[in-house]
Amino acid sequence: MADYIVYGNLNCPFSYALYELLYSQNLLHKVEWRVVEHTSDSGSYLRSTESMSELASDIFNIRNRAPGITISLPLSLSDSLFPSLCAIAAQRSNPEQSTQFISNLYRALWIKGKDIGNPSVIFHALEEAGIDTELETDELCEEILLRWQKEWERGNFGLRTPVIIADDGRRMVGLVNQQTVLDFFQGAQVVSTATTSSSRYQERMTIALFGDDQISNLWPLLSSLRDDSNILLPQSLASLQEMLLSAERCPDLVLLHNTGQHANLIELCRSMAHLTREKQVPLAVIGTPIADADEVSLYDLGVADYLMQQRNAQIIQARINILLQLKRAHDLLARAASIDTLTQIYNRREFERCFETEWRRGQRSRQPISVVLIDIDHFKAFNDNLGHLNGDNCLRQIATTIRDSVRRAQDMVCRFGGEEFIILLPETDQAGAELLAEHIRQKIVELDIRHSPNFKDEPVTVSLGIATAVPAHKGESPRKIIDQADNALYKAKRQGRNRVERYVDEG
């Protein structure tokens, strides 16, 4: 009996990503992979702009959460019933080769974009796995699929896939990062999280394509862009605007689809231009030919380019790539301005900018926000006795340790001053901040950076001060919470250094 049971769907990109991850880590032999189906009509998803949008967003999230997994946006999804039955039949008759067969099915859909419901695709997947191509599905296969389906639906998983159940009762729902999956397979108890971006700066550029139901006419264009870019399909103008306002999901290019209603296009571009200009995101339009005067009007509004959808897809792709290259160049300049050159973490200017944004978000969400202020103990003496080159190296090592200790994408580590660092922890209470701060303190001691002989060659340590506030509460402010963290830091210094102190209102 397998150590783990996994419920996965052939038409689910997250299930595919988990299968590939387990395959690459040689863990599939520990797993009984049970195929289930989300819906019976998934093959019709192209008729729904909403479903297209959801699938494109899923691909975007997978590329961020599991960047080592190759995945593309397919032009269609097929009915997965028959290939699922074939997977069960292969597992019954050829357990060892069935692993490769299921992998071939997943890759045919999520890499090559093929219709896995097509018998010829299944035939080739069987052939490549070394399984008899006369594979037969029978009533027992259907009974097994129905049983697995009922188990999954009754399992209180929120109808999500993939689901991993260990033989000791531990469960993990949805796709998480590789390290978390490996920890789970080594016996760790993990908390499943939503699939979100894991980095502020992604390697793939993101295009938000907005239009009505006629957007399906642009699939040939999407097929030329999907392998190199993340494609997002916002379902409404409000969704697009929300993306632009998001630090995590802001696209690198907004591409509006013009279906011939020029008056509406002018108003749409006018409503979008101020947002794209503020976020430094190029705004382009693709559609049918328009008059020169109308095109000039769009450029006057701030549109970067007007693309004729009838033109060769390679020409359109080349012009889109130019816009993305300009965006990348701007981002690199902006990032250079926000990064401390010595430690390669964010500088104080970027901290203050992000702190304002997170404070406003905290006022809306009514969630707490925490700040951890960190100061290297006796750093001036370290510099004076061991030299500035050693001092710079010490700063870099400590900055890297702090950055690596902070796992959430929304958390932010910055160099606040000479030997001071600050961590911004949105939606984090005092207890959570204390756990992180103590972990960082111990990790820095473990670096074993030796101090000068004047300090008996003891390891370099840090003192940490914590303050927590709820931005929605009256009287709170960003400046106030930083002052409170500073007071807690100096309390740690007075009480012997190499310790964590939290701010306590003694009034």
Protein backbone atom coordinates (compact mmCIF):
# COMPACT_ATOMS: atom_id res chain seq x y z
CA MET A 1 0.00 0.00 0.00
CA ALA A 2 1.27 3.49 -0.87
CA ASP A 3 2.34 5.91 1.86
CA TYR A 4 0.33 8.73 0.27
CA ILE A 5 -2.89 9.10 -1.69
CA VAL A 6 -3.21 11.96 -4.15
CA TYR A 7 -6.45 13.06 -5.79
CA GLY A 8 -5.58 14.83 -9.03
CA ASN A 9 -7.38 15.96 -12.17
CA LEU A 10 -5.87 15.66 -15.65
CA ASN A 11 -7.48 19.00 -16.58
CA CYS A 12 -6.07 20.72 -13.48
CA PRO A 13 -2.78 22.59 -14.04
CA PHE A 14 -2.00 22.45 -10.31
CA SER A 15 -2.33 18.65 -10.35
CA TYR A 16 0.00 18.51 -13.35
CA ALA A 17 2.55 20.71 -11.56
CA LEU A 18 2.49 18.48 -8.47
CA TYR A 19 2.87 15.34 -10.62
CA GLU A 20 5.90 16.86 -12.35
CA LEU A 21 7.37 17.93 -9.01
CA LEU A 22 6.99 14.42 -7.52
CA TYR A 23 8.31 12.88 -10.74
CA SER A 24 11.44 15.07 -10.66
CA GLN A 25 12.08 14.17 -6.99
CA ASN A 26 11.54 10.41 -7.57
CA LEU A 27 8.63 10.34 -5.12
CA LEU A 28 5.84 8.93 -7.27
CA HIS A 29 6.59 5.39 -6.11
CA LYS A 30 5.31 6.44 -2.67
CA VAL A 31 2.03 7.70 -4.12
CA GLU A 32 -1.26 6.20 -5.26
CA TRP A 33 -2.45 8.77 -7.82
CA ARG A 34 -6.26 8.76 -8.00
CA VAL A 35 -7.69 10.65 -10.96
CA VAL A 36 -10.90 12.64 -10.42
CA GLU A 37 -12.79 15.21 -12.48
CA HIS A 38 -13.83 18.73 -11.54
CA THR A 39 -16.56 19.01 -14.17
CA SER A 40 -17.83 16.97 -17.06
CA ASP A 41 -17.96 19.89 -19.50
CA SER A 42 -14.47 21.35 -19.09
CA GLY A 43 -13.87 20.95 -22.79
CA SER A 44 -16.22 23.86 -23.46
CA TYR A 45 -14.22 26.36 -21.45
CA LEU A 46 -13.28 28.35 -24.56
CA ARG A 47 -16.88 29.51 -24.76
CA SER A 48 -16.53 31.26 -21.42
CA THR A 49 -14.32 34.33 -21.04
CA GLU A 50 -14.52 33.82 -17.27
CA SER A 51 -13.13 30.27 -17.49
CA MET A 52 -10.39 31.40 -19.85
CA SER A 53 -9.42 34.08 -17.38
CA GLU A 54 -9.32 31.67 -14.46
CA LEU A 55 -7.14 29.20 -16.37
CA ALA A 56 -4.70 31.93 -17.46
CA SER A 57 -4.45 33.12 -13.85
CA ASP A 58 -3.80 29.55 -12.68
CA ILE A 59 -0.91 29.21 -15.13
CA PHE A 60 0.47 32.55 -13.89
CA ASN A 61 0.33 31.34 -10.29
CA ILE A 62 1.98 28.02 -11.08
CA ARG A 63 4.87 29.72 -12.87
CA ASN A 64 5.41 31.86 -9.79
CA ARG A 65 5.00 29.11 -7.18
CA ALA A 66 6.86 26.39 -9.10
CA PRO A 67 9.21 28.19 -11.53
CA GLY A 68 11.00 24.95 -12.43
CA ILE A 69 7.85 23.45 -13.95
CA THR A 70 7.35 23.90 -17.70
CA ILE A 71 3.72 24.80 -18.44
CA SER A 72 1.86 26.56 -21.23
CA LEU A 73 -1.67 27.88 -21.67
CA PRO A 74 -3.50 25.31 -23.85
CA LEU A 75 -5.84 26.50 -26.57
CA SER A 76 -8.49 24.02 -25.44
CA LEU A 77 -9.31 21.51 -22.73
CA SER A 78 -11.01 18.24 -23.58
CA ASP A 79 -13.38 15.95 -21.72
CA SER A 80 -11.05 14.12 -19.34
CA LEU A 81 -13.35 11.13 -18.70
CA PHE A 82 -11.87 8.76 -21.29
CA PRO A 83 -8.19 9.55 -20.58
CA SER A 84 -8.94 9.22 -16.84
CA LEU A 85 -10.40 5.76 -17.41
CA CYS A 86 -7.32 4.89 -19.49
CA ALA A 87 -5.09 6.02 -16.62
CA ILE A 88 -6.96 3.71 -14.23
CA ALA A 89 -6.77 0.80 -16.68
CA ALA A 90 -3.02 1.36 -17.05
CA GLN A 91 -2.55 1.47 -13.27
CA ARG A 92 -4.35 -1.89 -12.95
CA SER A 93 -2.58 -3.70 -15.79
CA ASN A 94 0.84 -1.99 -15.86
CA PRO A 95 1.53 -0.34 -12.48
CA GLU A 96 5.17 0.50 -13.22
CA GLN A 97 4.64 1.91 -16.74
CA SER A 98 1.44 3.72 -15.74
CA THR A 99 3.47 6.43 -14.00
CA GLN A 100 5.07 7.36 -17.32
CA PHE A 101 1.75 7.09 -19.15
CA ILE A 102 0.04 9.59 -16.82
CA SER A 103 3.07 11.87 -17.13
CA ASN A 104 2.77 11.65 -20.93
CA LEU A 105 -0.91 12.64 -20.75
CA TYR A 106 -0.20 15.60 -18.48
CA ARG A 107 2.67 16.81 -20.68
CA ALA A 108 0.68 16.37 -23.88
CA LEU A 109 -1.89 18.83 -22.53
CA TRP A 110 0.10 21.24 -20.39
CA ILE A 111 3.26 21.50 -22.50
CA LYS A 112 2.28 20.57 -26.05
CA GLY A 113 -1.31 21.84 -25.88
CA LYS A 114 -2.78 18.65 -27.37
CA ASP A 115 -6.30 17.27 -26.98
CA ILE A 116 -5.81 14.37 -24.54
CA GLY A 117 -9.33 13.15 -25.29
CA ASN A 118 -8.19 12.35 -28.81
CA PRO A 119 -7.55 8.58 -29.19
CA SER A 120 -4.42 9.21 -31.27
CA VAL A 121 -2.89 11.31 -28.45
CA ILE A 122 -3.70 8.55 -25.94
CA PHE A 123 -2.26 5.98 -28.35
CA HIS A 124 1.06 7.82 -28.56
CA ALA A 125 1.13 8.33 -24.76
CA LEU A 126 0.68 4.57 -24.27
CA GLU A 127 3.28 3.76 -26.91
CA GLU A 128 5.87 6.11 -25.37
CA ALA A 129 5.25 4.53 -21.93
CA GLY A 130 5.75 1.00 -23.30
CA ILE A 131 2.15 -0.06 -22.61
CA ASP A 132 0.09 -2.20 -24.97
CA THR A 133 -1.89 0.20 -27.15
CA GLU A 134 -4.84 -2.21 -27.05
CA LEU A 135 -5.50 -1.10 -23.48
CA GLU A 136 -9.14 -1.69 -22.57
CA THR A 137 -11.32 0.22 -20.14
CA ASP A 138 -14.18 -1.70 -18.54
CA GLU A 139 -16.94 -1.30 -15.98
CA LEU A 140 -14.50 -1.86 -13.13
CA CYS A 141 -12.49 1.19 -14.27
CA GLU A 142 -15.68 3.24 -14.23
CA GLU A 143 -16.54 1.95 -10.74
CA ILE A 144 -13.07 2.88 -9.46
CA LEU A 145 -13.31 6.39 -10.95
CA LEU A 146 -16.77 6.84 -9.38
CA ARG A 147 -15.49 5.65 -5.98
CA TRP A 148 -12.49 7.97 -6.06
CA GLN A 149 -14.73 10.82 -7.18
CA LYS A 150 -17.05 10.31 -4.21
CA GLU A 151 -14.11 10.05 -1.78
CA TRP A 152 -12.73 13.34 -3.05
CA GLU A 153 -16.09 15.15 -3.03
CA ARG A 154 -16.81 14.00 0.54
CA GLY A 155 -13.33 14.80 1.79
CA ASN A 156 -14.01 18.42 2.77
CA PHE A 157 -11.28 19.68 0.41
CA GLY A 158 -13.34 22.53 -0.98
CA LEU A 159 -13.41 20.64 -4.32
CA ARG A 160 -9.76 21.59 -4.83
CA THR A 161 -7.04 19.53 -6.43
CA PRO A 162 -4.48 18.27 -5.92
CA VAL A 163 -5.02 16.76 -2.47
CA ILE A 164 -2.32 14.71 -0.69
CA ILE A 165 -3.30 12.46 2.21
CA ALA A 166 -0.56 10.73 4.21
CA ASP A 167 -1.13 7.35 5.88
CA ASP A 168 -0.75 9.09 9.28
CA GLY A 169 -3.69 11.39 8.52
CA ARG A 170 -1.78 14.54 7.51
CA ARG A 171 -3.29 16.40 4.56
CA MET A 172 -2.14 19.03 2.12
CA VAL A 173 -4.55 20.73 -0.28
CA GLY A 174 -3.57 22.67 -3.38
CA LEU A 175 -0.16 23.37 -4.87
CA VAL A 176 2.54 24.78 -2.61
CA ASN A 177 6.23 25.34 -3.20
CA GLN A 178 8.68 22.50 -3.71
CA GLN A 179 10.34 22.71 -0.30
CA THR A 180 7.00 22.51 1.50
CA VAL A 181 6.02 19.41 -0.50
CA LEU A 182 9.36 17.77 0.33
CA ASP A 183 8.92 18.67 4.02
CA PHE A 184 5.44 17.09 3.94
CA PHE A 185 6.87 13.86 2.47
CA GLN A 186 9.45 13.84 5.26
CA GLY A 187 6.72 13.91 7.92
CA ALA A 188 6.18 17.63 8.51
CA GLN A 189 2.75 19.06 9.32
CA VAL A 190 2.19 21.88 6.84
CA VAL A 191 -0.54 24.45 6.38
CA SER A 192 -1.91 24.67 2.85
CA THR A 193 -1.89 28.19 1.46
CA ALA A 194 -3.38 29.95 -1.52
CA THR A 195 -1.31 29.91 -4.67
CA THR A 196 0.16 33.36 -4.90
CA SER A 197 3.12 35.08 -6.25
CA SER A 198 6.30 34.34 -4.37
CA SER A 199 8.48 37.18 -5.56
CA ARG A 200 8.21 40.88 -6.25
CA TYR A 201 10.24 40.50 -9.42
CA GLN A 202 9.24 37.62 -11.70
CA GLU A 203 11.34 36.38 -14.60
CA ARG A 204 8.34 36.10 -16.94
CA MET A 205 6.65 39.30 -17.98
CA THR A 206 2.87 39.49 -17.60
CA ILE A 207 0.36 40.70 -20.19
CA ALA A 208 -3.20 41.59 -19.15
CA LEU A 209 -5.45 41.17 -22.18
CA PHE A 210 -8.86 42.77 -21.78
CA GLY A 211 -11.85 42.53 -24.10
CA ASP A 212 -15.32 41.04 -24.57
CA ASP A 213 -16.38 37.57 -25.75
CA GLN A 214 -14.74 38.19 -29.13
CA ILE A 215 -11.37 37.89 -27.41
CA SER A 216 -11.33 34.23 -28.45
CA ASN A 217 -10.42 35.51 -31.95
CA LEU A 218 -7.00 36.36 -30.52
CA TRP A 219 -6.07 32.78 -29.60
CA PRO A 220 -3.57 32.48 -32.49
CA LEU A 221 -1.78 35.51 -31.03
CA LEU A 222 -1.91 34.08 -27.52
CA SER A 223 -0.37 30.84 -28.74
CA SER A 224 2.68 32.80 -29.92
CA LEU A 225 3.02 34.60 -26.57
CA ARG A 226 1.99 32.01 -24.02
CA ASP A 227 5.35 30.23 -23.66
CA ASP A 228 7.37 33.37 -22.94
CA SER A 229 4.82 35.46 -21.04
CA ASN A 230 2.14 35.09 -18.40
CA ILE A 231 -1.25 35.87 -19.93
CA LEU A 232 -3.95 37.27 -17.64
CA LEU A 233 -7.53 37.72 -18.83
CA PRO A 234 -9.36 40.01 -16.39
CA GLN A 235 -13.09 39.42 -16.44
CA SER A 236 -14.08 43.06 -16.05
CA LEU A 237 -12.71 46.58 -16.12
CA ALA A 238 -12.82 46.60 -12.32
CA SER A 239 -10.71 43.42 -12.22
CA LEU A 240 -8.15 44.99 -14.56
CA GLN A 241 -7.97 48.12 -12.43
CA GLU A 242 -7.55 45.97 -9.30
CA MET A 243 -4.62 44.18 -10.96
CA LEU A 244 -2.95 47.50 -11.73
CA LEU A 245 -3.31 48.58 -8.12
CA SER A 246 -1.86 45.32 -6.79
CA ALA A 247 1.84 45.13 -5.94
CA GLU A 248 1.87 41.37 -6.57
CA ARG A 249 -0.28 41.02 -9.70
CA CYS A 250 0.33 44.26 -11.56
CA PRO A 251 0.90 43.36 -15.25
CA ASP A 252 3.86 44.53 -17.32
CA LEU A 253 1.64 45.39 -20.30
CA VAL A 254 -2.06 46.12 -20.69
CA LEU A 255 -3.42 45.07 -24.07
CA LEU A 256 -6.96 46.24 -24.89
CA HIS A 257 -8.95 44.49 -27.62
CA ASN A 258 -10.77 46.88 -29.95
CA THR A 259 -13.83 45.27 -31.51
CA GLY A 260 -14.78 48.29 -33.60
CA GLN A 261 -16.63 50.51 -31.13
CA HIS A 262 -14.27 53.46 -31.33
CA ALA A 263 -16.16 55.84 -29.04
CA ASN A 264 -16.08 53.27 -26.25
CA LEU A 265 -12.41 52.62 -26.95
CA ILE A 266 -11.52 56.29 -26.46
CA GLU A 267 -13.33 56.36 -23.13
CA LEU A 268 -11.79 53.06 -22.06
CA CYS A 269 -8.27 54.27 -22.86
CA ARG A 270 -8.91 57.56 -21.10
CA SER A 271 -10.11 55.72 -17.97
CA MET A 272 -7.09 53.40 -18.03
CA ALA A 273 -4.34 55.87 -18.99
CA HIS A 274 -3.99 57.54 -15.59
CA LEU A 275 -3.55 54.17 -13.86
CA THR A 276 -1.08 52.75 -16.37
CA ARG A 277 0.87 56.03 -16.39
CA GLU A 278 1.07 56.05 -12.59
CA LYS A 279 2.28 52.42 -12.51
CA GLN A 280 4.58 52.92 -15.52
CA VAL A 281 2.82 50.09 -17.39
CA PRO A 282 2.61 50.38 -21.20
CA LEU A 283 -0.94 50.54 -22.57
CA ALA A 284 -1.49 49.14 -26.08
CA VAL A 285 -4.52 48.34 -28.24
CA ILE A 286 -5.03 45.49 -30.69
CA GLY A 287 -7.92 45.40 -33.13
CA THR A 288 -9.22 46.09 -36.58
CA PRO A 289 -7.85 49.01 -38.67
CA ILE A 290 -8.94 52.52 -37.64
CA ALA A 291 -8.52 55.96 -39.21
CA ASP A 292 -5.17 57.72 -38.78
CA ALA A 293 -6.80 60.57 -36.89
CA ASP A 294 -8.36 58.13 -34.44
CA GLU A 295 -5.05 56.40 -33.92
CA VAL A 296 -3.37 59.74 -33.20
CA SER A 297 -6.11 60.46 -30.64
CA LEU A 298 -5.22 57.23 -28.84
CA TYR A 299 -1.53 58.16 -28.76
CA ASP A 300 -2.47 61.55 -27.33
CA LEU A 301 -4.24 59.73 -24.50
CA GLY A 302 -1.07 57.79 -23.67
CA VAL A 303 -1.51 54.59 -25.71
CA ALA A 304 1.94 53.21 -26.56
CA ASP A 305 1.02 51.29 -29.73
CA TYR A 306 -1.93 50.25 -31.90
CA LEU A 307 -1.58 46.70 -33.26
CA MET A 308 -3.52 45.39 -36.27
CA GLN A 309 -4.76 41.93 -35.35
CA GLN A 310 -4.88 40.92 -39.03
CA ARG A 311 -1.11 41.20 -39.32
CA ASN A 312 1.29 38.29 -39.05
CA ALA A 313 1.45 36.97 -35.47
CA GLN A 314 5.26 37.19 -35.45
CA ILE A 315 5.13 40.91 -36.28
CA ILE A 316 2.61 41.52 -33.50
CA GLN A 317 4.72 39.50 -31.09
CA ALA A 318 7.85 41.47 -32.04
CA ARG A 319 6.12 44.78 -31.33
CA ILE A 320 4.76 43.48 -28.03
CA ASN A 321 8.26 42.31 -27.10
CA ILE A 322 9.57 45.84 -27.72
CA LEU A 323 7.01 47.21 -25.25
CA LEU A 324 7.95 44.53 -22.72
CA GLN A 325 11.66 45.28 -23.14
CA LEU A 326 11.00 48.95 -22.43
CA LYS A 327 9.03 47.97 -19.35
CA ARG A 328 11.81 45.64 -18.17
CA ALA A 329 14.40 48.41 -18.63
CA HIS A 330 12.25 50.80 -16.60
CA ASP A 331 11.78 48.21 -13.85
CA LEU A 332 15.51 47.54 -13.65
CA LEU A 333 16.16 51.26 -13.21
CA ALA A 334 13.40 51.51 -10.62
CA ARG A 335 14.73 48.46 -8.79
CA ALA A 336 18.25 49.87 -8.80
CA ALA A 337 16.87 53.01 -7.15
CA SER A 338 15.12 50.93 -4.47
CA ILE A 339 17.96 48.52 -3.59
CA ASP A 340 20.81 49.13 -1.17
CA THR A 341 23.94 48.52 -3.25
CA LEU A 342 25.99 46.99 -0.43
CA THR A 343 23.51 44.49 1.03
CA GLN A 344 21.23 43.97 -2.01
CA ILE A 345 18.08 44.35 0.07
CA TYR A 346 15.59 47.22 -0.14
CA ASN A 347 16.67 50.68 0.98
CA ARG A 348 14.93 53.07 3.35
CA ARG A 349 13.25 55.01 0.57
CA GLU A 350 11.55 51.84 -0.74
CA PHE A 351 10.57 50.85 2.79
CA GLU A 352 8.81 54.16 3.39
CA ARG A 353 6.98 53.90 0.07
CA CYS A 354 5.78 50.35 0.73
CA PHE A 355 4.97 51.09 4.38
CA GLU A 356 2.47 53.76 3.33
CA THR A 357 0.79 51.31 0.95
CA GLU A 358 0.60 48.53 3.52
CA TRP A 359 -0.65 50.94 6.20
CA ARG A 360 -3.56 51.99 3.97
CA ARG A 361 -4.30 48.34 3.24
CA GLY A 362 -4.28 47.62 6.98
CA GLN A 363 -6.76 50.44 7.56
CA ARG A 364 -9.15 48.75 5.11
CA SER A 365 -8.60 45.18 6.32
CA ARG A 366 -8.46 46.13 10.03
CA GLN A 367 -5.57 43.65 10.41
CA PRO A 368 -2.47 44.26 12.58
CA ILE A 369 0.89 45.24 11.15
CA SER A 370 4.24 44.66 12.85
CA VAL A 371 7.69 46.20 12.51
CA VAL A 372 10.96 44.64 13.65
CA LEU A 373 13.94 47.00 14.03
CA ILE A 374 17.36 45.30 14.14
CA ASP A 375 20.71 46.76 15.15
CA ILE A 376 24.12 45.04 15.08
CA ASP A 377 25.66 45.07 18.54
CA HIS A 378 28.98 46.94 18.94
CA PHE A 379 29.30 47.36 15.18
CA LYS A 380 31.43 50.52 15.41
CA ALA A 381 34.01 48.61 17.46
CA PHE A 382 33.90 45.80 14.88
CA ASN A 383 34.66 48.29 12.09
CA ASP A 384 37.36 50.10 14.04
CA ASN A 385 39.21 46.93 15.00
CA LEU A 386 38.71 44.70 11.94
CA GLY A 387 38.41 47.27 9.18
CA HIS A 388 35.64 48.46 6.90
CA LEU A 389 36.03 45.62 4.39
CA ASN A 390 35.27 43.10 7.11
CA GLY A 391 32.50 45.39 8.32
CA ASP A 392 30.90 45.45 4.86
CA ASN A 393 31.12 41.67 4.63
CA CYS A 394 29.48 41.40 8.06
CA LEU A 395 26.62 43.64 6.91
CA ARG A 396 26.10 41.55 3.78
CA GLN A 397 26.00 38.25 5.70
CA ILE A 398 23.54 39.57 8.26
CA ALA A 399 21.32 41.15 5.59
CA THR A 400 21.22 37.85 3.69
CA THR A 401 20.35 35.92 6.85
CA ILE A 402 17.49 38.29 7.69
CA ARG A 403 16.17 38.19 4.12
CA ASP A 404 16.31 34.39 3.97
CA SER A 405 14.46 34.11 7.29
CA VAL A 406 11.48 36.04 5.97
CA ARG A 407 9.38 33.69 3.86
CA ARG A 408 6.15 35.50 2.92
CA ALA A 409 6.04 37.49 -0.31
CA GLN A 410 4.34 40.47 1.35
CA ASP A 411 7.00 40.81 4.07
CA MET A 412 9.81 43.26 3.41
CA VAL A 413 13.42 43.47 4.64
CA CYS A 414 15.25 46.79 4.30
CA ARG A 415 18.46 48.45 5.36
CA PHE A 416 17.26 51.28 7.57
CA GLY A 417 20.55 52.96 8.39
CA GLY A 418 24.24 52.20 8.77
CA GLU A 419 24.02 48.98 10.78
CA GLU A 420 20.24 49.01 11.25
CA PHE A 421 17.70 46.86 9.41
CA ILE A 422 13.93 46.91 9.49
CA ILE A 423 11.32 44.27 8.65
CA LEU A 424 7.78 45.16 7.63
CA LEU A 425 5.26 42.42 8.48
CA PRO A 426 1.73 43.13 7.18
CA GLU A 427 -1.13 41.17 8.78
CA THR A 428 1.15 39.94 11.57
CA ASP A 429 0.40 40.13 15.27
CA GLN A 430 2.94 40.61 18.05
CA ALA A 431 3.32 36.88 18.75
CA GLY A 432 4.14 36.14 15.10
CA ALA A 433 6.66 38.98 14.99
CA GLU A 434 8.35 37.74 18.17
CA LEU A 435 8.75 34.22 16.77
CA LEU A 436 10.38 35.57 13.62
CA ALA A 437 12.61 37.98 15.54
CA GLU A 438 13.89 35.27 17.87
CA HIS A 439 14.55 32.99 14.89
CA ILE A 440 16.61 35.74 13.23
CA ARG A 441 18.55 36.44 16.43
CA GLN A 442 19.55 32.78 16.72
CA LYS A 443 20.46 32.49 13.02
CA ILE A 444 22.81 35.47 13.27
CA VAL A 445 24.54 33.97 16.30
CA GLU A 446 24.95 30.75 14.28
CA LEU A 447 26.76 32.70 11.54
CA ASP A 448 29.65 32.77 14.03
CA ILE A 449 31.12 36.02 12.68
CA ARG A 450 33.92 36.57 15.18
CA HIS A 451 34.20 39.96 16.87
CA SER A 452 37.49 41.68 17.62
CA PRO A 453 39.85 40.52 20.42
CA ASN A 454 38.50 43.37 22.55
CA PHE A 455 35.26 41.35 22.76
CA LYS A 456 37.05 38.03 23.45
CA ASP A 457 36.40 36.92 19.86
CA GLU A 458 32.74 36.30 20.68
CA PRO A 459 30.27 36.06 17.76
CA VAL A 460 28.59 39.18 16.41
CA THR A 461 25.04 39.52 17.72
CA VAL A 462 22.03 41.75 17.09
CA SER A 463 19.40 43.42 19.25
CA LEU A 464 15.80 43.53 18.02
CA GLY A 465 12.82 45.72 18.88
CA ILE A 466 9.22 44.90 17.94
CA ALA A 467 6.13 47.06 17.71
CA THR A 468 2.64 46.10 16.54
CA ALA A 469 -0.37 48.25 15.70
CA VAL A 470 -3.75 48.01 14.03
CA PRO A 471 -3.78 50.84 11.45
CA ALA A 472 -7.57 51.12 11.67
CA HIS A 473 -7.40 52.11 15.34
CA LYS A 474 -7.57 55.79 16.18
CA GLY A 475 -4.29 57.48 17.03
CA GLU A 476 -2.03 55.00 15.25
CA SER A 477 0.42 56.10 12.54
CA PRO A 478 3.43 54.72 10.65
CA ARG A 479 5.79 57.10 12.43
CA LYS A 480 4.42 56.10 15.82
CA ILE A 481 4.96 52.36 15.31
CA ILE A 482 8.55 52.93 14.12
CA ASP A 483 9.25 55.06 17.20
CA GLN A 484 7.80 52.29 19.36
CA ALA A 485 10.03 49.68 17.68
CA ASP A 486 12.99 52.00 18.24
CA ASN A 487 12.13 52.28 21.94
CA ALA A 488 11.92 48.48 22.19
CA LEU A 489 15.29 48.18 20.43
CA TYR A 490 17.00 50.49 22.90
CA LYS A 491 15.40 48.57 25.75
CA ALA A 492 17.07 45.44 24.33
CA LYS A 493 20.39 47.32 24.21
CA ARG A 494 20.06 48.51 27.82
CA GLN A 495 19.25 45.04 29.09
CA GLY A 496 22.38 43.42 27.70
CA ARG A 497 22.01 43.18 23.91
CA ASN A 498 21.58 39.99 21.85
CA ARG A 499 17.91 39.87 22.78
CA VAL A 500 14.40 40.57 21.49
CA GLU A 501 12.18 43.14 23.18
CA ARG A 502 8.65 44.19 22.31
CA TYR A 503 7.16 47.61 22.86
CA VAL A 504 4.90 47.83 25.89
CA ASP A 505 2.76 50.91 26.46
CA GLU A 506 3.51 51.82 30.05
CA GLY A 507 1.06 54.70 30.00
